Amino acid sequence: MGLIIMHNMNVFDAMTEYVDRNHYVDVSDKVPVFLCSIGTHIFNGLNKCGTCPFIPVEGVEGFEIESCILRHDKNPIYTPMSHVADTRLHILMRGMKGSGKSVLIQLFLSPKTGLLSNMANAEIGMGFRTDIGPNSITEAGMFGSVDEEGNIMGRPLAREMCGGFLGFEEFSSITDAGK
């Protein structure tokens, strides 16, 4: 069942109604925080994607993101002190087993079925790339490795997900990648 936002209902109320109607347990109190994080990430993408260095250039080989739904040729919107601001709001959820953390990540970020990637939402402009990161990842797998000239080698997960959303169920996955 898709997410339907009524005309006079704000997104927080619509999402709370959606999780209640679909019997998601122990997530309605976390939905507003998750929605705020999603909103700041979308705004950050809109603010920065006009300056994206990975725009495909005809005749130039290298890594480019062909299907970034945020890509545009507009200037940044928010530039405090003449710098393009990073407006993302990362969240770290902590709680007991069964408190809804994994359910919330699955609800929004499951590839192809999560609310942010669901193809039914693509018709209204919502087909984001989403993924839930692996339980174990290396720094090179996450960010890439660099050759002698400073070029990033391979297709690191962080670049692959540019313009999308990547969540991790275990914080140790991220800290292990940074070692």
N, C-alpha and C. Protein backbone atom coordinates (compact mmCIF):
# COMPACT_ATOMS: atom_id res chain seq x y z
N MET A 1 0.84 -1.17 0.00
CA MET A 1 0.00 0.00 0.00
C MET A 1 0.89 1.24 0.00
N GLY A 2 0.64 2.18 -0.86
CA GLY A 2 1.48 3.37 -0.99
C GLY A 2 1.16 4.43 0.04
N LEU A 3 2.03 5.39 0.15
CA LEU A 3 1.84 6.52 1.04
C LEU A 3 1.03 7.58 0.31
N ILE A 4 -0.12 7.92 0.85
CA ILE A 4 -0.98 8.93 0.25
C ILE A 4 -1.05 10.11 1.21
N ILE A 5 -0.65 11.29 0.75
CA ILE A 5 -0.70 12.48 1.59
C ILE A 5 -1.96 13.25 1.24
N MET A 6 -2.81 13.42 2.22
CA MET A 6 -4.05 14.16 2.01
C MET A 6 -3.74 15.64 1.86
N HIS A 7 -4.61 16.37 1.19
CA HIS A 7 -4.37 17.78 0.89
C HIS A 7 -4.14 18.63 2.14
N ASN A 8 -4.88 18.42 3.19
CA ASN A 8 -4.74 19.26 4.39
C ASN A 8 -3.98 18.57 5.50
N MET A 9 -3.17 17.57 5.16
CA MET A 9 -2.44 16.82 6.17
C MET A 9 -0.95 17.06 5.95
N ASN A 10 -0.22 17.39 7.02
CA ASN A 10 1.22 17.56 6.84
C ASN A 10 1.90 16.20 6.74
N VAL A 11 3.13 16.19 6.28
CA VAL A 11 3.83 14.94 6.02
C VAL A 11 4.04 14.12 7.30
N PHE A 12 4.21 14.77 8.44
CA PHE A 12 4.39 14.05 9.70
C PHE A 12 3.12 13.30 10.07
N ASP A 13 1.97 13.98 9.98
CA ASP A 13 0.70 13.32 10.29
C ASP A 13 0.39 12.22 9.28
N ALA A 14 0.67 12.47 8.00
CA ALA A 14 0.41 11.47 6.96
C ALA A 14 1.26 10.22 7.20
N MET A 15 2.52 10.42 7.59
CA MET A 15 3.41 9.28 7.82
C MET A 15 2.99 8.52 9.08
N THR A 16 2.60 9.24 10.12
CA THR A 16 2.13 8.59 11.34
C THR A 16 0.88 7.77 11.05
N GLU A 17 -0.03 8.33 10.27
CA GLU A 17 -1.25 7.62 9.89
C GLU A 17 -0.90 6.38 9.06
N TYR A 18 0.09 6.49 8.18
CA TYR A 18 0.52 5.37 7.34
C TYR A 18 1.07 4.22 8.19
N VAL A 19 1.95 4.52 9.14
CA VAL A 19 2.53 3.44 9.95
C VAL A 19 1.48 2.82 10.86
N ASP A 20 0.54 3.62 11.34
CA ASP A 20 -0.54 3.07 12.17
C ASP A 20 -1.45 2.17 11.33
N ARG A 21 -1.83 2.64 10.15
CA ARG A 21 -2.74 1.89 9.26
C ARG A 21 -2.11 0.57 8.82
N ASN A 22 -0.80 0.55 8.66
CA ASN A 22 -0.11 -0.65 8.21
C ASN A 22 0.50 -1.47 9.36
N HIS A 23 0.14 -1.11 10.58
CA HIS A 23 0.51 -1.88 11.78
C HIS A 23 2.01 -1.99 12.00
N TYR A 24 2.75 -0.93 11.69
CA TYR A 24 4.16 -0.88 12.06
C TYR A 24 4.23 -0.59 13.55
N VAL A 25 4.94 -1.41 14.28
CA VAL A 25 4.96 -1.30 15.73
C VAL A 25 6.19 -0.52 16.20
N ASP A 26 6.02 0.36 17.16
CA ASP A 26 7.10 1.10 17.81
C ASP A 26 7.92 1.99 16.88
N VAL A 27 7.31 2.58 15.87
CA VAL A 27 8.06 3.49 15.01
C VAL A 27 7.46 4.89 14.93
N SER A 28 6.19 5.06 15.29
CA SER A 28 5.55 6.36 15.09
C SER A 28 6.24 7.49 15.85
N ASP A 29 6.85 7.20 17.00
CA ASP A 29 7.55 8.25 17.74
C ASP A 29 8.90 8.61 17.10
N LYS A 30 9.42 7.73 16.25
CA LYS A 30 10.71 7.96 15.59
C LYS A 30 10.55 8.56 14.20
N VAL A 31 9.35 8.46 13.62
CA VAL A 31 9.11 8.93 12.26
C VAL A 31 9.44 10.42 12.08
N PRO A 32 9.04 11.33 12.98
CA PRO A 32 9.39 12.74 12.76
C PRO A 32 10.89 13.00 12.65
N VAL A 33 11.69 12.33 13.46
CA VAL A 33 13.15 12.50 13.40
C VAL A 33 13.67 11.98 12.07
N PHE A 34 13.20 10.82 11.65
CA PHE A 34 13.63 10.23 10.39
C PHE A 34 13.23 11.13 9.22
N LEU A 35 12.01 11.67 9.25
CA LEU A 35 11.55 12.56 8.17
C LEU A 35 12.38 13.84 8.11
N CYS A 36 12.76 14.38 9.27
CA CYS A 36 13.61 15.57 9.28
C CYS A 36 14.96 15.27 8.64
N SER A 37 15.53 14.11 8.95
CA SER A 37 16.81 13.73 8.37
C SER A 37 16.67 13.58 6.85
N ILE A 38 15.62 12.94 6.39
CA ILE A 38 15.39 12.77 4.95
C ILE A 38 15.25 14.13 4.28
N GLY A 39 14.47 15.03 4.89
CA GLY A 39 14.27 16.37 4.32
C GLY A 39 15.57 17.14 4.19
N THR A 40 16.43 17.06 5.21
CA THR A 40 17.70 17.79 5.14
C THR A 40 18.62 17.19 4.08
N HIS A 41 18.58 15.88 3.90
CA HIS A 41 19.39 15.25 2.86
C HIS A 41 18.90 15.63 1.47
N ILE A 42 17.59 15.67 1.28
CA ILE A 42 17.05 16.07 -0.03
C ILE A 42 17.42 17.53 -0.31
N PHE A 43 17.25 18.41 0.68
CA PHE A 43 17.63 19.81 0.47
C PHE A 43 19.12 19.92 0.17
N ASN A 44 19.95 19.17 0.89
CA ASN A 44 21.39 19.20 0.66
C ASN A 44 21.71 18.81 -0.78
N GLY A 45 21.04 17.77 -1.27
CA GLY A 45 21.25 17.35 -2.66
C GLY A 45 20.82 18.41 -3.65
N LEU A 46 19.68 19.02 -3.42
CA LEU A 46 19.21 20.08 -4.30
C LEU A 46 20.15 21.28 -4.26
N ASN A 47 20.69 21.55 -3.09
CA ASN A 47 21.59 22.69 -2.92
C ASN A 47 22.94 22.45 -3.59
N LYS A 48 23.41 21.20 -3.59
CA LYS A 48 24.76 20.91 -4.08
C LYS A 48 24.84 20.27 -5.45
N CYS A 49 23.78 19.62 -5.91
CA CYS A 49 23.90 18.83 -7.14
C CYS A 49 24.18 19.66 -8.38
N GLY A 50 23.90 20.95 -8.37
CA GLY A 50 24.25 21.78 -9.51
C GLY A 50 25.75 21.95 -9.65
N THR A 51 26.49 21.64 -8.58
CA THR A 51 27.95 21.74 -8.61
C THR A 51 28.61 20.36 -8.56
N CYS A 52 27.85 19.32 -8.87
CA CYS A 52 28.33 17.93 -8.79
C CYS A 52 29.50 17.70 -9.74
N PRO A 53 30.63 17.19 -9.25
CA PRO A 53 31.77 16.93 -10.13
C PRO A 53 31.63 15.64 -10.93
N PHE A 54 30.56 14.88 -10.73
CA PHE A 54 30.41 13.59 -11.40
C PHE A 54 29.36 13.62 -12.50
N ILE A 55 29.17 14.78 -13.10
CA ILE A 55 28.24 14.91 -14.21
C ILE A 55 28.88 14.27 -15.44
N PRO A 56 28.14 13.42 -16.15
CA PRO A 56 28.72 12.80 -17.35
C PRO A 56 29.16 13.85 -18.36
N VAL A 57 30.38 13.70 -18.86
CA VAL A 57 30.91 14.60 -19.88
C VAL A 57 31.19 13.76 -21.11
N GLU A 58 30.62 14.15 -22.23
CA GLU A 58 30.77 13.36 -23.45
C GLU A 58 32.24 13.24 -23.84
N GLY A 59 32.68 12.02 -24.09
CA GLY A 59 34.05 11.78 -24.52
C GLY A 59 35.06 11.64 -23.40
N VAL A 60 34.65 11.86 -22.14
CA VAL A 60 35.56 11.75 -21.00
C VAL A 60 35.21 10.49 -20.23
N GLU A 61 36.19 9.61 -20.06
CA GLU A 61 35.96 8.38 -19.33
C GLU A 61 36.15 8.63 -17.84
N GLY A 62 35.51 7.83 -17.04
CA GLY A 62 35.64 7.95 -15.61
C GLY A 62 34.31 7.68 -14.94
N PHE A 63 34.27 7.88 -13.69
CA PHE A 63 33.05 7.60 -12.95
C PHE A 63 32.08 8.76 -13.09
N GLU A 64 30.89 8.45 -13.51
CA GLU A 64 29.84 9.45 -13.51
C GLU A 64 28.55 8.78 -13.04
N ILE A 65 27.70 9.56 -12.45
CA ILE A 65 26.43 9.06 -11.95
C ILE A 65 25.38 9.47 -12.98
N GLU A 66 24.91 8.48 -13.72
CA GLU A 66 24.04 8.78 -14.84
C GLU A 66 22.61 9.10 -14.43
N SER A 67 22.15 8.56 -13.32
CA SER A 67 20.73 8.68 -13.01
C SER A 67 20.44 9.37 -11.69
N CYS A 68 21.21 10.37 -11.34
CA CYS A 68 20.96 11.11 -10.10
C CYS A 68 19.70 11.95 -10.29
N ILE A 69 18.65 11.64 -9.52
CA ILE A 69 17.38 12.35 -9.72
C ILE A 69 17.44 13.79 -9.22
N LEU A 70 18.47 14.12 -8.48
CA LEU A 70 18.60 15.50 -8.00
C LEU A 70 19.42 16.38 -8.93
N ARG A 71 20.06 15.77 -9.95
CA ARG A 71 20.95 16.54 -10.82
C ARG A 71 20.20 17.64 -11.54
N HIS A 72 20.79 18.79 -11.54
CA HIS A 72 20.22 19.95 -12.22
C HIS A 72 21.34 20.92 -12.54
N ASP A 73 21.04 21.96 -13.27
CA ASP A 73 22.08 22.93 -13.63
C ASP A 73 21.88 24.26 -12.92
N LYS A 74 21.19 24.23 -11.79
CA LYS A 74 20.92 25.46 -11.05
C LYS A 74 22.01 25.73 -10.02
N ASN A 75 22.18 26.98 -9.68
CA ASN A 75 23.13 27.36 -8.64
C ASN A 75 22.61 26.95 -7.27
N PRO A 76 23.50 26.82 -6.29
CA PRO A 76 23.07 26.49 -4.93
C PRO A 76 22.06 27.51 -4.40
N ILE A 77 21.19 27.04 -3.53
CA ILE A 77 20.14 27.86 -2.93
C ILE A 77 20.64 28.54 -1.66
N TYR A 78 21.32 27.79 -0.83
CA TYR A 78 21.74 28.25 0.49
C TYR A 78 23.26 28.30 0.53
N THR A 79 23.82 29.50 0.64
CA THR A 79 25.27 29.68 0.63
C THR A 79 25.70 30.67 1.72
N PRO A 80 25.65 30.25 2.98
CA PRO A 80 26.09 31.17 4.04
C PRO A 80 27.58 31.48 3.89
N MET A 81 27.92 32.73 4.02
CA MET A 81 29.29 33.20 3.92
C MET A 81 29.94 32.73 2.60
N SER A 82 29.16 32.70 1.54
CA SER A 82 29.61 32.35 0.18
C SER A 82 30.13 30.92 0.05
N HIS A 83 29.72 30.02 0.94
CA HIS A 83 30.10 28.62 0.85
C HIS A 83 28.83 27.79 0.69
N VAL A 84 28.92 26.73 -0.08
CA VAL A 84 27.79 25.83 -0.21
C VAL A 84 27.72 25.01 1.08
N ALA A 85 26.65 25.18 1.80
CA ALA A 85 26.51 24.57 3.12
C ALA A 85 26.17 23.09 3.03
N ASP A 86 26.60 22.33 4.02
CA ASP A 86 26.19 20.94 4.16
C ASP A 86 25.05 20.95 5.17
N THR A 87 23.85 20.65 4.71
CA THR A 87 22.68 20.75 5.59
C THR A 87 22.19 19.39 6.07
N ARG A 88 22.96 18.33 5.81
CA ARG A 88 22.48 17.00 6.20
C ARG A 88 22.36 16.87 7.71
N LEU A 89 21.39 16.08 8.12
CA LEU A 89 21.17 15.76 9.52
C LEU A 89 21.23 14.25 9.64
N HIS A 90 22.38 13.74 10.07
CA HIS A 90 22.53 12.29 10.23
C HIS A 90 21.90 11.91 11.56
N ILE A 91 21.34 10.72 11.61
CA ILE A 91 20.76 10.27 12.87
C ILE A 91 21.39 8.94 13.27
N LEU A 92 21.50 8.77 14.55
CA LEU A 92 21.99 7.54 15.14
C LEU A 92 20.93 7.10 16.14
N MET A 93 20.30 5.99 15.86
CA MET A 93 19.25 5.50 16.76
C MET A 93 19.82 4.43 17.67
N ARG A 94 19.45 4.53 18.92
CA ARG A 94 19.90 3.56 19.90
C ARG A 94 18.68 3.09 20.66
N GLY A 95 18.58 1.82 20.88
CA GLY A 95 17.44 1.31 21.63
C GLY A 95 17.54 -0.19 21.83
N MET A 96 16.65 -0.68 22.64
CA MET A 96 16.59 -2.11 22.95
C MET A 96 16.17 -2.90 21.71
N LYS A 97 16.45 -4.18 21.72
CA LYS A 97 15.95 -5.05 20.65
C LYS A 97 14.43 -4.94 20.63
N GLY A 98 13.91 -4.87 19.41
CA GLY A 98 12.46 -4.79 19.26
C GLY A 98 11.88 -3.40 19.40
N SER A 99 12.74 -2.37 19.45
CA SER A 99 12.23 -1.01 19.63
C SER A 99 11.94 -0.30 18.31
N GLY A 100 12.04 -1.01 17.18
CA GLY A 100 11.61 -0.45 15.90
C GLY A 100 12.70 0.15 15.03
N LYS A 101 13.96 0.05 15.43
CA LYS A 101 15.04 0.66 14.64
C LYS A 101 15.15 0.03 13.25
N SER A 102 15.24 -1.28 13.19
CA SER A 102 15.38 -1.96 11.90
C SER A 102 14.13 -1.82 11.06
N VAL A 103 12.97 -1.85 11.69
CA VAL A 103 11.71 -1.70 10.96
C VAL A 103 11.67 -0.33 10.27
N LEU A 104 12.11 0.70 10.95
CA LEU A 104 12.10 2.04 10.39
C LEU A 104 13.06 2.15 9.20
N ILE A 105 14.23 1.57 9.33
CA ILE A 105 15.20 1.59 8.22
C ILE A 105 14.62 0.84 7.02
N GLN A 106 14.04 -0.32 7.26
CA GLN A 106 13.43 -1.09 6.18
C GLN A 106 12.27 -0.32 5.53
N LEU A 107 11.45 0.32 6.34
CA LEU A 107 10.29 1.06 5.84
C LEU A 107 10.69 2.12 4.82
N PHE A 108 11.76 2.85 5.10
CA PHE A 108 12.18 3.93 4.22
C PHE A 108 13.22 3.52 3.18
N LEU A 109 14.17 2.66 3.55
CA LEU A 109 15.36 2.46 2.72
C LEU A 109 15.49 1.13 2.00
N SER A 110 14.55 0.21 2.17
CA SER A 110 14.67 -1.06 1.45
C SER A 110 14.71 -0.79 -0.06
N PRO A 111 15.73 -1.34 -0.74
CA PRO A 111 15.80 -1.14 -2.19
C PRO A 111 14.53 -1.66 -2.87
N LYS A 112 13.96 -0.86 -3.74
CA LYS A 112 12.78 -1.16 -4.55
C LYS A 112 11.46 -1.18 -3.79
N THR A 113 11.45 -1.41 -2.48
CA THR A 113 10.18 -1.45 -1.76
C THR A 113 10.06 -0.38 -0.69
N GLY A 114 11.15 0.24 -0.28
CA GLY A 114 11.10 1.29 0.72
C GLY A 114 10.36 2.52 0.19
N LEU A 115 9.83 3.31 1.09
CA LEU A 115 9.05 4.47 0.68
C LEU A 115 9.84 5.47 -0.16
N LEU A 116 11.16 5.54 0.03
CA LEU A 116 11.96 6.49 -0.75
C LEU A 116 12.35 5.97 -2.13
N SER A 117 12.31 4.68 -2.33
CA SER A 117 12.72 4.14 -3.63
C SER A 117 11.59 3.50 -4.41
N ASN A 118 10.47 3.27 -3.79
CA ASN A 118 9.36 2.57 -4.41
C ASN A 118 9.02 3.17 -5.77
N MET A 119 8.96 2.34 -6.78
CA MET A 119 8.71 2.83 -8.14
C MET A 119 7.34 3.50 -8.27
N ALA A 120 6.39 3.15 -7.42
CA ALA A 120 5.10 3.84 -7.45
C ALA A 120 5.30 5.31 -7.10
N ASN A 121 6.28 5.60 -6.25
CA ASN A 121 6.59 6.98 -5.89
C ASN A 121 7.36 7.70 -6.98
N ALA A 122 8.04 6.96 -7.88
CA ALA A 122 8.83 7.59 -8.94
C ALA A 122 7.96 8.46 -9.84
N GLU A 123 6.70 8.10 -9.98
CA GLU A 123 5.79 8.88 -10.81
C GLU A 123 5.56 10.28 -10.26
N ILE A 124 5.75 10.45 -8.96
CA ILE A 124 5.59 11.78 -8.36
C ILE A 124 6.94 12.36 -7.95
N GLY A 125 8.01 11.86 -8.53
CA GLY A 125 9.33 12.43 -8.31
C GLY A 125 10.10 11.86 -7.15
N MET A 126 9.79 10.65 -6.68
CA MET A 126 10.44 10.11 -5.50
C MET A 126 11.32 8.89 -5.75
N GLY A 127 11.73 8.52 -6.89
CA GLY A 127 12.48 7.27 -7.10
C GLY A 127 13.93 7.35 -6.69
N PHE A 128 14.23 7.61 -5.42
CA PHE A 128 15.62 7.70 -4.95
C PHE A 128 16.28 6.33 -4.94
N ARG A 129 17.59 6.32 -5.18
CA ARG A 129 18.37 5.11 -4.95
C ARG A 129 18.47 4.95 -3.45
N THR A 130 18.17 3.78 -2.97
CA THR A 130 18.28 3.51 -1.54
C THR A 130 18.97 2.17 -1.35
N ASP A 131 19.63 2.04 -0.23
CA ASP A 131 20.25 0.77 0.10
C ASP A 131 20.52 0.73 1.59
N ILE A 132 20.61 -0.46 2.09
CA ILE A 132 21.00 -0.67 3.48
C ILE A 132 22.38 -1.29 3.40
N GLY A 133 23.35 -0.59 3.96
CA GLY A 133 24.74 -1.01 3.84
C GLY A 133 25.01 -2.38 4.44
N PRO A 134 26.07 -3.00 3.99
CA PRO A 134 26.42 -4.33 4.49
C PRO A 134 26.84 -4.27 5.96
N ASN A 135 26.77 -5.42 6.61
CA ASN A 135 27.19 -5.49 8.02
C ASN A 135 28.68 -5.34 8.17
N SER A 136 29.42 -5.53 7.10
CA SER A 136 30.87 -5.39 7.14
C SER A 136 31.32 -4.73 5.85
N ILE A 137 32.08 -3.67 5.97
CA ILE A 137 32.57 -2.95 4.79
C ILE A 137 33.94 -2.37 5.10
N THR A 138 34.80 -2.34 4.12
CA THR A 138 36.13 -1.75 4.30
C THR A 138 36.07 -0.26 3.94
N GLU A 139 37.10 0.46 4.32
CA GLU A 139 37.19 1.88 3.95
C GLU A 139 37.23 2.03 2.43
N ALA A 140 38.00 1.16 1.76
CA ALA A 140 38.08 1.22 0.29
C ALA A 140 36.72 0.91 -0.34
N GLY A 141 35.99 -0.03 0.23
CA GLY A 141 34.67 -0.36 -0.29
C GLY A 141 33.68 0.77 -0.11
N MET A 142 33.83 1.53 0.96
CA MET A 142 32.92 2.63 1.24
C MET A 142 33.30 3.90 0.48
N PHE A 143 34.60 4.26 0.51
CA PHE A 143 35.03 5.54 -0.04
C PHE A 143 35.94 5.43 -1.25
N GLY A 144 36.43 4.22 -1.55
CA GLY A 144 37.34 4.03 -2.67
C GLY A 144 38.78 4.09 -2.25
N SER A 145 39.64 3.62 -3.11
CA SER A 145 41.07 3.73 -2.87
C SER A 145 41.63 4.70 -3.91
N VAL A 146 42.80 5.24 -3.64
CA VAL A 146 43.37 6.29 -4.48
C VAL A 146 44.65 5.78 -5.13
N ASP A 147 44.79 6.04 -6.45
CA ASP A 147 46.01 5.65 -7.12
C ASP A 147 47.08 6.74 -6.97
N GLU A 148 48.24 6.56 -7.63
CA GLU A 148 49.36 7.49 -7.48
C GLU A 148 49.03 8.91 -7.91
N GLU A 149 48.11 9.06 -8.87
CA GLU A 149 47.74 10.40 -9.35
C GLU A 149 46.60 11.04 -8.56
N GLY A 150 46.11 10.34 -7.55
CA GLY A 150 45.02 10.88 -6.74
C GLY A 150 43.63 10.56 -7.25
N ASN A 151 43.53 9.68 -8.26
CA ASN A 151 42.23 9.30 -8.79
C ASN A 151 41.62 8.19 -7.94
N ILE A 152 40.32 8.29 -7.71
CA ILE A 152 39.63 7.25 -6.93
C ILE A 152 39.41 6.05 -7.84
N MET A 153 39.80 4.89 -7.33
CA MET A 153 39.70 3.65 -8.09
C MET A 153 38.44 2.89 -7.68
N GLY A 154 37.89 2.12 -8.62
CA GLY A 154 36.72 1.29 -8.34
C GLY A 154 35.44 2.10 -8.28
N ARG A 155 34.42 1.48 -7.77
CA ARG A 155 33.11 2.13 -7.63
C ARG A 155 32.70 2.04 -6.16
N PRO A 156 33.21 2.94 -5.34
CA PRO A 156 32.90 2.89 -3.91
C PRO A 156 31.41 3.11 -3.65
N LEU A 157 30.93 2.50 -2.58
CA LEU A 157 29.52 2.56 -2.22
C LEU A 157 29.04 4.00 -2.01
N ALA A 158 29.85 4.84 -1.41
CA ALA A 158 29.44 6.24 -1.16
C ALA A 158 29.17 6.97 -2.47
N ARG A 159 29.97 6.73 -3.49
CA ARG A 159 29.73 7.37 -4.80
C ARG A 159 28.56 6.73 -5.51
N GLU A 160 28.46 5.43 -5.40
CA GLU A 160 27.38 4.70 -6.05
C GLU A 160 26.02 5.20 -5.54
N MET A 161 25.98 5.60 -4.31
CA MET A 161 24.72 6.04 -3.70
C MET A 161 24.53 7.56 -3.76
N CYS A 162 25.38 8.28 -4.45
CA CYS A 162 25.27 9.73 -4.55
C CYS A 162 23.87 10.10 -5.05
N GLY A 163 23.25 11.04 -4.39
CA GLY A 163 21.89 11.44 -4.75
C GLY A 163 20.85 10.50 -4.18
N GLY A 164 21.27 9.56 -3.36
CA GLY A 164 20.36 8.59 -2.78
C GLY A 164 20.52 8.52 -1.27
N PHE A 165 20.06 7.44 -0.71
CA PHE A 165 20.09 7.26 0.74
C PHE A 165 20.70 5.92 1.07
N LEU A 166 21.63 5.93 2.01
CA LEU A 166 22.30 4.72 2.46
C LEU A 166 22.19 4.65 3.97
N GLY A 167 21.65 3.57 4.47
CA GLY A 167 21.51 3.39 5.91
C GLY A 167 22.28 2.17 6.36
N PHE A 168 22.70 2.18 7.60
CA PHE A 168 23.40 1.04 8.19
C PHE A 168 22.64 0.62 9.45
N GLU A 169 22.43 -0.68 9.58
CA GLU A 169 21.73 -1.16 10.77
C GLU A 169 22.66 -1.25 11.98
N GLU A 170 23.93 -1.38 11.74
CA GLU A 170 24.90 -1.48 12.83
C GLU A 170 25.94 -0.38 12.69
N PHE A 171 26.11 0.43 13.71
CA PHE A 171 27.08 1.52 13.68
C PHE A 171 28.50 0.99 13.52
N SER A 172 28.74 -0.21 13.99
CA SER A 172 30.08 -0.80 13.86
C SER A 172 30.49 -0.96 12.40
N SER A 173 29.51 -1.07 11.49
CA SER A 173 29.85 -1.15 10.06
C SER A 173 30.57 0.11 9.61
N ILE A 174 30.14 1.24 10.10
CA ILE A 174 30.73 2.51 9.71
C ILE A 174 32.08 2.72 10.39
N THR A 175 32.15 2.44 11.68
CA THR A 175 33.41 2.64 12.40
C THR A 175 34.48 1.67 11.92
N ASP A 176 34.08 0.45 11.56
CA ASP A 176 35.05 -0.53 11.03
C ASP A 176 35.61 -0.05 9.69
N ALA A 177 34.77 0.59 8.88
CA ALA A 177 35.22 1.10 7.57
C ALA A 177 36.25 2.20 7.72
N GLY A 178 36.20 2.93 8.83
CA GLY A 178 37.13 4.05 9.05
C GLY A 178 38.46 3.64 9.63
N LYS A 179 38.62 2.36 9.97
CA LYS A 179 39.88 1.90 10.58
C LYS A 179 40.95 1.72 9.54
